[in-house]
Amino acid sequence: MAGRRRGRGGALNRRVAVPGRVRLLVLALLAVVAAVSVLRASSNALEVHASHDFANLLKSAEVLQQEDVYRRWFTAMIDDDYTRAPSSNPAGSDPTYAPSSLALLMPFNLMSWPAAQKLWLALNLGFTAGLLLLCRRRFLTQEPRWVTGAIAALLLSSVCWRNIVMNGQLAIAALFFFLLAAELGDRRRPLLAGASLMLALVKYSLILFLLPWLIARRQWLPIIVAAGIHVVLTILVAARIHENPVALVLGSFDVGKRLAMKGYVDVGALAGHAGLPAAVALGVGLALAGAAAWAALRHRPIDTDLLLATLSFLAFILIYHRAYDGVVLLLPLCIAAARRAQDPALAAAVLGNVVLVWWVSSARHWSVWLEDGGPFYWLLAATWYGTLGLLIMRLDGRAYSTQPQRAEAA
């Protein structure tokens, strides 16, 4: 009898071991895809026409050192010029970033364009590694390491991440400095946290909408420090070129409004595809933001992790964003992964968005079915807004809160 029990136990152990081997195989395949993606993105980022968004920012920062770059854009636009010397920045100037953000990028203009291009690639890869480590530390400490590995492979193999690296975009850097600010705030280093948040706010179109998370955690001082530095930088830039600082800031908004075409699945883009007026988009956006605020404030203490996941989905749709800013899904993905046993529906919904935005959308130009306004677009919109609705419900009901609340004080 004892021998028979051991035999059945051995068979049971063999059956249980199979999922582990399957998981290892899937992780290995994801790792290979991620490695290929990293190599491809890194190689493309160093080509002559690559890192164009970063080059554009540096050109705007260069012009801002001499004159009002926003007024210059309206009167005598600077276009791309790839006949310039190899050491020169070939990009034109489309100054949609705030003057303080451009001021923070001015040091890159002290080096040749090829050197700045290589440095920004190295920094973007470093920011990616740092962001994943911070996500592990903040959201996944109780999870096995394979969960972090799988999430990292999903991110690195995504079309969003590749586009950010190839175009020299700032979203990865912004998310890294945002989480770093939270980490430094938790360690009661508000000045360093403020400096980190100041760097994150270079991409204010994304990070501004995540700030309620820091407010809910009572990290006021870092926000004040970050805002103060941006104000001082704006004043210094304006004084250097003898311009009004308020006019410079408003000028960046004017350029942004002129250049902003259709976003991806933001409320403005949806309204445009549906033939609805902009007022409808504004109303829907305010209603969604209001519902999230109402759901969060109904409970004390606020479930800050769920709040951050909700804000991540909101940030992508309240104003203009292109598909590559979908890397913000990394935050709700980590949060949902940590709660997957208690709330599999939320985990499945977030993962569905990851698959559609990070992977399937890479084939958007291969088929009419995948183009903007096609069936895939509306499927993606329904999935995104449906998941946002689910997050607001969870934020209100808190039926599946599994994480102990973090310290609210900075």
Foldseek 3Di string as FASTA:
>chain_A
DVVVVVVVVVVVVVVVCVVVVVLVVVLVVLVVLLVVLLVVLLVLLLDLCWLQVVLQLQQLLVVLLAALSLVCCVPPWFAFASVDDPQARRHTYLQLFAQLLSPVVNVLVVGTPSVSSNVLLVVLVVLLVLLLVLLCVPQPVVPDVSLSSNLSSLLSNFPLSSNCSGNVHCLSLLSNLQSVLVVCVLVVPLLSSLVSNLNSCSVVLQVVLLCVLLVLLVSPSSVVNSVVSSVVSLVVSCVSNVHDSVVSRVSSVVSCVVPQDAAQLALQNVCVLVVHDVVVSQVVLVVLVVLLVVLQVVDPSQQSLLNSQLSLLSSRHNDGHHLSSVSSLSSQQSNCVSLCVQCVVLNVLSVVLSCLSGPVLVCLVVDPCNDPSHVSSVVNSCSSVVSSVVSSVCSNPVPRDDDDGDNSGD
